C-alpha cells in the first residue's frame, strides 16, 4: 500500500487553511469574495443539517448571514485534518462569543486544482436547542 506523501496533499492543506480563514473572516471584510474564489469551485455544493446550498455566492451569503446573527465567531480545527484521494475530513469546533457553540465534522471533496467542490457537514454536538427537523 502506498503512503500519502506531503507534497501530494500540500494543495489540499492550503485549501483547508483557506477554508478555515473563509469562515473566520469578519462579515464586514470585503475580501471574503476573493477568498471564496480561491477556496471553492463556482458550483460548490454545501450539504449540512441546516440545508443544501449550491454555488459559491450562496455559501458567501450563508456565511455573511450567520456572522451578522452571531457576531463573534471562531471556527477552527479540533485536530489535524485527514486527507486522502482528493478528500478531507475536518473535525471542527465553532465558538460564538467565546463559548463553545457546536462541534462537527466536514467531509470535503476537491477538484483537480485543489479547490473545494463539495462540503458535507455533520454536527457532532449540535447547538443547544437545535431542531434538525426544522430545516427539512
N, C-alpha and C. Protein backbone atom coordinates (compact mmCIF):
# COMPACT_ATOMS: atom_id res chain seq x y z
N UNK A 1 0.84 -1.17 0.00
CA UNK A 1 0.00 0.00 0.00
C UNK A 1 0.89 1.23 0.00
N UNK A 2 0.63 2.15 -0.91
CA UNK A 2 1.42 3.37 -1.00
C UNK A 2 1.01 4.34 0.11
N UNK A 3 1.97 5.05 0.64
CA UNK A 3 1.67 6.03 1.67
C UNK A 3 1.40 7.38 1.02
N UNK A 4 0.62 8.21 1.72
CA UNK A 4 0.32 9.55 1.23
C UNK A 4 1.50 10.44 1.56
N UNK A 5 2.06 11.08 0.55
CA UNK A 5 3.21 11.94 0.78
C UNK A 5 2.76 13.37 1.00
N UNK A 6 3.56 14.13 1.70
CA UNK A 6 3.26 15.53 2.00
C UNK A 6 3.07 16.35 0.73
N UNK A 7 3.96 16.24 -0.28
CA UNK A 7 3.75 17.06 -1.49
C UNK A 7 2.42 16.77 -2.18
N UNK A 8 1.93 15.54 -2.13
CA UNK A 8 0.66 15.20 -2.77
C UNK A 8 -0.52 15.85 -2.05
N UNK A 9 -0.42 16.06 -0.75
CA UNK A 9 -1.53 16.65 0.00
C UNK A 9 -1.38 18.15 0.21
N UNK A 10 -0.24 18.73 -0.16
CA UNK A 10 0.01 20.15 0.09
C UNK A 10 -1.07 21.07 -0.47
N UNK A 11 -1.52 20.89 -1.73
CA UNK A 11 -2.57 21.80 -2.24
C UNK A 11 -3.87 21.68 -1.44
N UNK A 12 -4.17 20.49 -0.96
CA UNK A 12 -5.38 20.30 -0.17
C UNK A 12 -5.24 20.96 1.20
N UNK A 13 -4.06 20.85 1.79
CA UNK A 13 -3.82 21.51 3.09
C UNK A 13 -3.95 23.02 2.96
N UNK A 14 -3.45 23.58 1.86
CA UNK A 14 -3.59 25.02 1.62
C UNK A 14 -5.06 25.39 1.49
N UNK A 15 -5.84 24.58 0.77
CA UNK A 15 -7.27 24.84 0.64
C UNK A 15 -7.98 24.75 1.99
N UNK A 16 -7.58 23.80 2.83
CA UNK A 16 -8.18 23.69 4.16
C UNK A 16 -7.86 24.91 5.01
N UNK A 17 -6.63 25.41 4.90
CA UNK A 17 -6.27 26.64 5.63
C UNK A 17 -7.13 27.81 5.16
N UNK A 18 -7.32 27.93 3.84
CA UNK A 18 -8.16 29.00 3.29
C UNK A 18 -9.63 28.79 3.69
N UNK A 19 -10.08 27.54 3.76
CA UNK A 19 -11.44 27.22 4.18
C UNK A 19 -11.69 27.74 5.61
N UNK A 20 -10.76 27.49 6.50
CA UNK A 20 -10.89 27.99 7.87
C UNK A 20 -10.89 29.52 7.88
N UNK A 21 -10.00 30.13 7.09
CA UNK A 21 -9.96 31.60 7.02
C UNK A 21 -11.28 32.15 6.49
N UNK A 22 -11.86 31.48 5.49
CA UNK A 22 -13.15 31.92 4.93
C UNK A 22 -14.20 32.02 6.03
N UNK A 23 -14.33 31.00 6.86
CA UNK A 23 -15.35 31.01 7.90
C UNK A 23 -15.02 32.00 9.02
N UNK A 24 -13.75 32.39 9.17
CA UNK A 24 -13.35 33.29 10.24
C UNK A 24 -13.19 34.74 9.80
N UNK A 25 -13.38 35.04 8.53
CA UNK A 25 -13.24 36.42 8.05
C UNK A 25 -14.44 37.23 8.52
N UNK A 26 -14.22 38.39 9.15
CA UNK A 26 -15.34 39.20 9.62
C UNK A 26 -16.30 39.55 8.48
N UNK A 27 -17.60 39.62 8.81
CA UNK A 27 -18.64 39.86 7.82
C UNK A 27 -18.42 41.15 7.03
N UNK A 28 -17.88 42.17 7.67
CA UNK A 28 -17.70 43.45 7.01
C UNK A 28 -16.48 43.49 6.10
N UNK A 29 -15.65 42.45 6.13
CA UNK A 29 -14.42 42.41 5.33
C UNK A 29 -14.76 42.09 3.88
N UNK A 30 -14.44 42.99 2.96
CA UNK A 30 -14.74 42.80 1.55
C UNK A 30 -13.90 41.73 0.88
N UNK A 31 -12.90 41.19 1.56
CA UNK A 31 -12.02 40.20 0.97
C UNK A 31 -12.57 38.79 0.95
N UNK A 32 -13.74 38.58 1.54
CA UNK A 32 -14.27 37.21 1.62
C UNK A 32 -14.63 36.67 0.24
N UNK A 33 -15.06 37.53 -0.69
CA UNK A 33 -15.39 37.05 -2.04
C UNK A 33 -14.13 36.53 -2.74
N UNK A 34 -13.02 37.26 -2.63
CA UNK A 34 -11.77 36.81 -3.23
C UNK A 34 -11.29 35.52 -2.58
N UNK A 35 -11.42 35.43 -1.28
CA UNK A 35 -11.02 34.23 -0.56
C UNK A 35 -11.88 33.05 -1.01
N UNK A 36 -13.18 33.26 -1.14
CA UNK A 36 -14.09 32.20 -1.57
C UNK A 36 -13.75 31.72 -2.98
N UNK A 37 -13.36 32.64 -3.86
CA UNK A 37 -12.99 32.26 -5.23
C UNK A 37 -11.78 31.33 -5.22
N UNK A 38 -10.84 31.57 -4.34
CA UNK A 38 -9.65 30.73 -4.26
C UNK A 38 -9.88 29.41 -3.57
N UNK A 39 -10.93 29.31 -2.76
CA UNK A 39 -11.16 28.11 -1.97
C UNK A 39 -12.21 27.18 -2.58
N UNK A 40 -13.27 27.74 -3.17
CA UNK A 40 -14.39 26.95 -3.66
C UNK A 40 -14.50 27.01 -5.18
N UNK A 41 -15.00 25.92 -5.76
CA UNK A 41 -15.37 25.96 -7.18
C UNK A 41 -16.62 26.85 -7.30
N UNK A 42 -16.90 27.30 -8.48
CA UNK A 42 -18.07 28.18 -8.68
C UNK A 42 -19.37 27.49 -8.30
N UNK A 43 -19.48 26.20 -8.57
CA UNK A 43 -20.71 25.45 -8.29
C UNK A 43 -20.59 24.56 -7.06
N UNK A 44 -19.80 24.98 -6.08
CA UNK A 44 -19.63 24.20 -4.85
C UNK A 44 -20.99 23.79 -4.29
N UNK A 45 -21.06 22.59 -3.77
CA UNK A 45 -22.30 22.08 -3.14
C UNK A 45 -22.00 21.92 -1.65
N UNK A 46 -22.84 22.54 -0.83
CA UNK A 46 -22.69 22.51 0.63
C UNK A 46 -23.94 21.85 1.20
N UNK A 47 -23.76 20.69 1.81
CA UNK A 47 -24.88 19.93 2.35
C UNK A 47 -24.68 19.81 3.86
N UNK A 48 -25.59 20.42 4.62
CA UNK A 48 -25.48 20.46 6.07
C UNK A 48 -26.86 20.25 6.68
N UNK A 49 -26.93 19.98 7.98
CA UNK A 49 -28.24 19.82 8.61
C UNK A 49 -29.17 21.03 8.42
N UNK A 50 -28.61 22.21 8.23
CA UNK A 50 -29.44 23.40 8.04
C UNK A 50 -29.95 23.56 6.61
N UNK A 51 -29.43 22.75 5.68
CA UNK A 51 -29.91 22.81 4.31
C UNK A 51 -28.82 22.53 3.30
N UNK A 52 -29.19 22.59 2.04
CA UNK A 52 -28.28 22.36 0.93
C UNK A 52 -28.14 23.65 0.15
N UNK A 53 -26.91 24.06 -0.07
CA UNK A 53 -26.62 25.27 -0.83
C UNK A 53 -25.81 24.89 -2.06
N UNK A 54 -26.06 25.56 -3.16
CA UNK A 54 -25.30 25.30 -4.37
C UNK A 54 -24.76 26.62 -4.89
N UNK A 55 -23.47 26.65 -5.13
CA UNK A 55 -22.82 27.83 -5.68
C UNK A 55 -22.06 28.62 -4.64
N UNK A 56 -20.97 29.19 -5.11
CA UNK A 56 -20.08 29.96 -4.23
C UNK A 56 -20.82 31.14 -3.58
N UNK A 57 -21.63 31.85 -4.36
CA UNK A 57 -22.32 33.02 -3.82
C UNK A 57 -23.32 32.63 -2.73
N UNK A 58 -23.99 31.50 -2.88
CA UNK A 58 -24.92 31.04 -1.85
C UNK A 58 -24.18 30.76 -0.55
N UNK A 59 -22.98 30.23 -0.65
CA UNK A 59 -22.18 29.95 0.54
C UNK A 59 -21.68 31.24 1.19
N UNK A 60 -21.29 32.20 0.37
CA UNK A 60 -20.88 33.51 0.88
C UNK A 60 -22.05 34.17 1.62
N UNK A 61 -23.23 34.14 1.01
CA UNK A 61 -24.42 34.76 1.62
C UNK A 61 -24.78 34.08 2.94
N UNK A 62 -24.70 32.74 2.98
CA UNK A 62 -24.99 31.99 4.21
C UNK A 62 -24.02 32.39 5.31
N UNK A 63 -22.75 32.45 4.97
CA UNK A 63 -21.72 32.82 5.94
C UNK A 63 -21.95 34.24 6.47
N UNK A 64 -22.25 35.17 5.58
CA UNK A 64 -22.48 36.56 5.99
C UNK A 64 -23.69 36.66 6.93
N UNK A 65 -24.78 35.95 6.59
CA UNK A 65 -25.97 35.97 7.43
C UNK A 65 -25.67 35.38 8.81
N UNK A 66 -24.96 34.27 8.84
CA UNK A 66 -24.61 33.63 10.11
C UNK A 66 -23.75 34.56 10.96
N UNK A 67 -22.74 35.17 10.36
CA UNK A 67 -21.85 36.05 11.12
C UNK A 67 -22.57 37.29 11.63
N UNK A 68 -23.48 37.85 10.84
CA UNK A 68 -24.25 39.01 11.32
C UNK A 68 -25.12 38.62 12.51
N UNK A 69 -25.68 37.42 12.47
CA UNK A 69 -26.57 36.95 13.54
C UNK A 69 -25.79 36.62 14.81
N UNK A 70 -24.62 36.00 14.67
CA UNK A 70 -23.87 35.50 15.82
C UNK A 70 -22.80 36.47 16.33
N UNK A 71 -22.43 37.44 15.53
CA UNK A 71 -21.42 38.45 15.89
C UNK A 71 -20.01 37.87 15.95
N UNK A 72 -19.53 37.46 17.10
CA UNK A 72 -18.15 37.00 17.25
C UNK A 72 -18.10 35.48 17.12
N UNK A 73 -17.41 35.01 16.06
CA UNK A 73 -17.36 33.58 15.76
C UNK A 73 -15.91 33.15 15.55
N UNK A 74 -15.57 31.97 16.06
CA UNK A 74 -14.26 31.37 15.79
C UNK A 74 -14.50 29.93 15.35
N UNK A 75 -14.08 29.62 14.12
CA UNK A 75 -14.24 28.30 13.54
C UNK A 75 -12.84 27.72 13.38
N UNK A 76 -12.57 26.60 14.05
CA UNK A 76 -11.21 26.06 13.99
C UNK A 76 -11.23 24.53 14.02
N UNK A 77 -10.13 23.97 13.56
CA UNK A 77 -9.97 22.52 13.54
C UNK A 77 -9.77 22.03 14.97
N UNK A 78 -10.41 20.90 15.29
CA UNK A 78 -10.21 20.26 16.60
C UNK A 78 -8.98 19.37 16.58
N UNK A 79 -8.59 18.93 15.40
CA UNK A 79 -7.40 18.11 15.24
C UNK A 79 -6.94 18.25 13.79
N UNK A 80 -5.79 17.70 13.51
CA UNK A 80 -5.22 17.77 12.16
C UNK A 80 -6.18 17.10 11.17
N UNK A 81 -6.53 17.78 10.06
CA UNK A 81 -7.42 17.16 9.07
C UNK A 81 -6.78 15.91 8.46
N UNK A 82 -7.63 14.97 8.11
CA UNK A 82 -7.19 13.75 7.43
C UNK A 82 -7.48 13.91 5.95
N UNK A 83 -6.49 13.58 5.10
CA UNK A 83 -6.61 13.80 3.66
C UNK A 83 -6.21 12.53 2.92
N UNK A 84 -7.03 12.15 1.95
CA UNK A 84 -6.64 11.08 1.03
C UNK A 84 -7.50 11.13 -0.22
N UNK A 85 -6.90 10.80 -1.34
CA UNK A 85 -7.58 10.65 -2.64
C UNK A 85 -8.52 11.81 -2.98
N UNK A 86 -8.06 13.03 -2.76
CA UNK A 86 -8.85 14.20 -3.13
C UNK A 86 -9.99 14.52 -2.19
N UNK A 87 -9.96 13.96 -0.98
CA UNK A 87 -10.98 14.20 0.02
C UNK A 87 -10.31 14.51 1.36
N UNK A 88 -11.05 15.20 2.21
CA UNK A 88 -10.54 15.50 3.55
C UNK A 88 -11.66 15.40 4.57
N UNK A 89 -11.27 15.04 5.78
CA UNK A 89 -12.20 15.07 6.91
C UNK A 89 -11.65 16.08 7.90
N UNK A 90 -12.46 17.09 8.16
CA UNK A 90 -12.07 18.18 9.06
C UNK A 90 -13.02 18.17 10.25
N UNK A 91 -12.46 17.86 11.41
CA UNK A 91 -13.24 17.93 12.65
C UNK A 91 -13.06 19.33 13.21
N UNK A 92 -14.18 20.01 13.43
CA UNK A 92 -14.12 21.42 13.81
C UNK A 92 -14.88 21.72 15.10
N UNK A 93 -14.59 22.90 15.59
CA UNK A 93 -15.27 23.46 16.76
C UNK A 93 -15.66 24.87 16.39
N UNK A 94 -16.86 25.24 16.76
CA UNK A 94 -17.35 26.59 16.50
C UNK A 94 -17.64 27.26 17.83
N UNK A 95 -16.93 28.36 18.09
CA UNK A 95 -17.18 29.15 19.29
C UNK A 95 -17.92 30.42 18.89
N UNK A 96 -18.91 30.79 19.69
CA UNK A 96 -19.66 32.02 19.48
C UNK A 96 -19.55 32.84 20.75
N UNK A 97 -19.09 34.07 20.59
CA UNK A 97 -18.87 34.97 21.73
C UNK A 97 -17.99 34.33 22.80
N UNK A 98 -16.99 33.55 22.35
CA UNK A 98 -16.02 32.95 23.26
C UNK A 98 -16.45 31.65 23.91
N UNK A 99 -17.66 31.18 23.64
CA UNK A 99 -18.17 29.94 24.24
C UNK A 99 -18.37 28.89 23.15
N UNK A 100 -18.10 27.61 23.49
CA UNK A 100 -18.33 26.54 22.53
C UNK A 100 -19.80 26.51 22.14
N UNK A 101 -20.07 26.58 20.85
CA UNK A 101 -21.42 26.62 20.31
C UNK A 101 -21.81 25.26 19.72
N UNK A 102 -20.88 24.66 18.99
CA UNK A 102 -21.14 23.37 18.34
C UNK A 102 -19.82 22.74 17.93
N UNK A 103 -19.86 21.43 17.70
CA UNK A 103 -18.73 20.75 17.09
C UNK A 103 -19.28 19.93 15.93
N UNK A 104 -18.40 19.66 14.97
CA UNK A 104 -18.85 18.90 13.82
C UNK A 104 -17.71 18.34 13.02
N UNK A 105 -18.09 17.70 11.92
CA UNK A 105 -17.13 17.12 11.00
C UNK A 105 -17.56 17.47 9.60
N UNK A 106 -16.67 18.06 8.83
CA UNK A 106 -16.91 18.34 7.42
C UNK A 106 -16.11 17.35 6.59
N UNK A 107 -16.77 16.77 5.61
CA UNK A 107 -16.11 15.92 4.63
C UNK A 107 -16.08 16.73 3.34
N UNK A 108 -14.88 16.99 2.84
CA UNK A 108 -14.70 17.86 1.68
C UNK A 108 -14.13 17.08 0.51
N UNK A 109 -14.60 17.42 -0.68
CA UNK A 109 -14.05 16.85 -1.92
C UNK A 109 -13.43 18.00 -2.70
N UNK A 110 -12.26 17.73 -3.28
CA UNK A 110 -11.52 18.75 -4.01
C UNK A 110 -11.57 18.48 -5.51
N UNK A 111 -11.49 19.56 -6.29
CA UNK A 111 -11.34 19.38 -7.74
C UNK A 111 -9.86 19.20 -8.06
N UNK A 112 -9.53 19.08 -9.33
CA UNK A 112 -8.14 18.84 -9.74
C UNK A 112 -7.20 19.98 -9.37
N UNK A 113 -7.75 21.19 -9.23
CA UNK A 113 -6.94 22.36 -8.88
C UNK A 113 -6.79 22.54 -7.37
N UNK A 114 -7.40 21.65 -6.59
CA UNK A 114 -7.30 21.75 -5.14
C UNK A 114 -8.37 22.61 -4.50
N UNK A 115 -9.32 23.12 -5.31
CA UNK A 115 -10.42 23.90 -4.73
C UNK A 115 -11.52 22.95 -4.24
N UNK A 116 -12.25 23.39 -3.26
CA UNK A 116 -13.31 22.57 -2.66
C UNK A 116 -14.53 22.59 -3.57
N UNK A 117 -14.98 21.38 -3.93
CA UNK A 117 -16.11 21.20 -4.82
C UNK A 117 -17.38 20.79 -4.06
N UNK A 118 -17.20 20.06 -2.96
CA UNK A 118 -18.34 19.58 -2.17
C UNK A 118 -17.97 19.61 -0.69
N UNK A 119 -18.92 20.05 0.12
CA UNK A 119 -18.79 20.00 1.58
C UNK A 119 -20.02 19.26 2.12
N UNK A 120 -19.78 18.22 2.88
CA UNK A 120 -20.86 17.53 3.58
C UNK A 120 -20.57 17.72 5.06
N UNK A 121 -21.43 18.46 5.74
CA UNK A 121 -21.21 18.83 7.13
C UNK A 121 -22.10 18.01 8.06
N UNK A 122 -21.50 17.50 9.12
CA UNK A 122 -22.21 16.76 10.14
C UNK A 122 -22.03 17.47 11.48
N UNK A 123 -23.07 17.50 12.29
CA UNK A 123 -22.95 18.03 13.64
C UNK A 123 -22.63 16.89 14.58
N UNK A 124 -21.50 17.00 15.27
CA UNK A 124 -21.14 16.02 16.29
C UNK A 124 -21.80 16.39 17.62
N UNK A 125 -21.86 17.67 17.89
CA UNK A 125 -22.60 18.20 19.05
C UNK A 125 -23.31 19.44 18.55
N UNK A 126 -24.62 19.34 18.41
CA UNK A 126 -25.43 20.43 17.88
C UNK A 126 -25.53 21.57 18.89
N UNK A 127 -25.82 22.78 18.41
CA UNK A 127 -26.05 23.90 19.33
C UNK A 127 -27.26 23.61 20.22
N UNK A 128 -27.24 24.16 21.40
CA UNK A 128 -28.35 23.99 22.33
C UNK A 128 -29.65 24.46 21.66
N UNK A 129 -30.66 23.64 21.73
CA UNK A 129 -31.96 23.99 21.17
C UNK A 129 -32.10 23.75 19.69
N UNK A 130 -31.08 23.21 19.04
CA UNK A 130 -31.12 22.96 17.60
C UNK A 130 -32.14 21.88 17.29
N UNK A 131 -33.03 22.15 16.35
CA UNK A 131 -34.02 21.17 15.90
C UNK A 131 -33.70 20.79 14.46
N UNK A 132 -33.14 19.60 14.25
CA UNK A 132 -32.74 19.21 12.89
C UNK A 132 -33.93 19.09 11.94
N UNK A 133 -35.13 18.89 12.47
CA UNK A 133 -36.30 18.72 11.62
C UNK A 133 -36.87 20.04 11.14
N UNK A 134 -36.46 21.15 11.77
CA UNK A 134 -36.97 22.45 11.33
C UNK A 134 -36.35 22.91 10.04
N UNK A 135 -35.33 22.19 9.54
CA UNK A 135 -34.63 22.57 8.32
C UNK A 135 -34.91 21.61 7.16
N UNK A 136 -35.85 20.68 7.34
CA UNK A 136 -36.16 19.72 6.27
C UNK A 136 -36.76 20.40 5.06
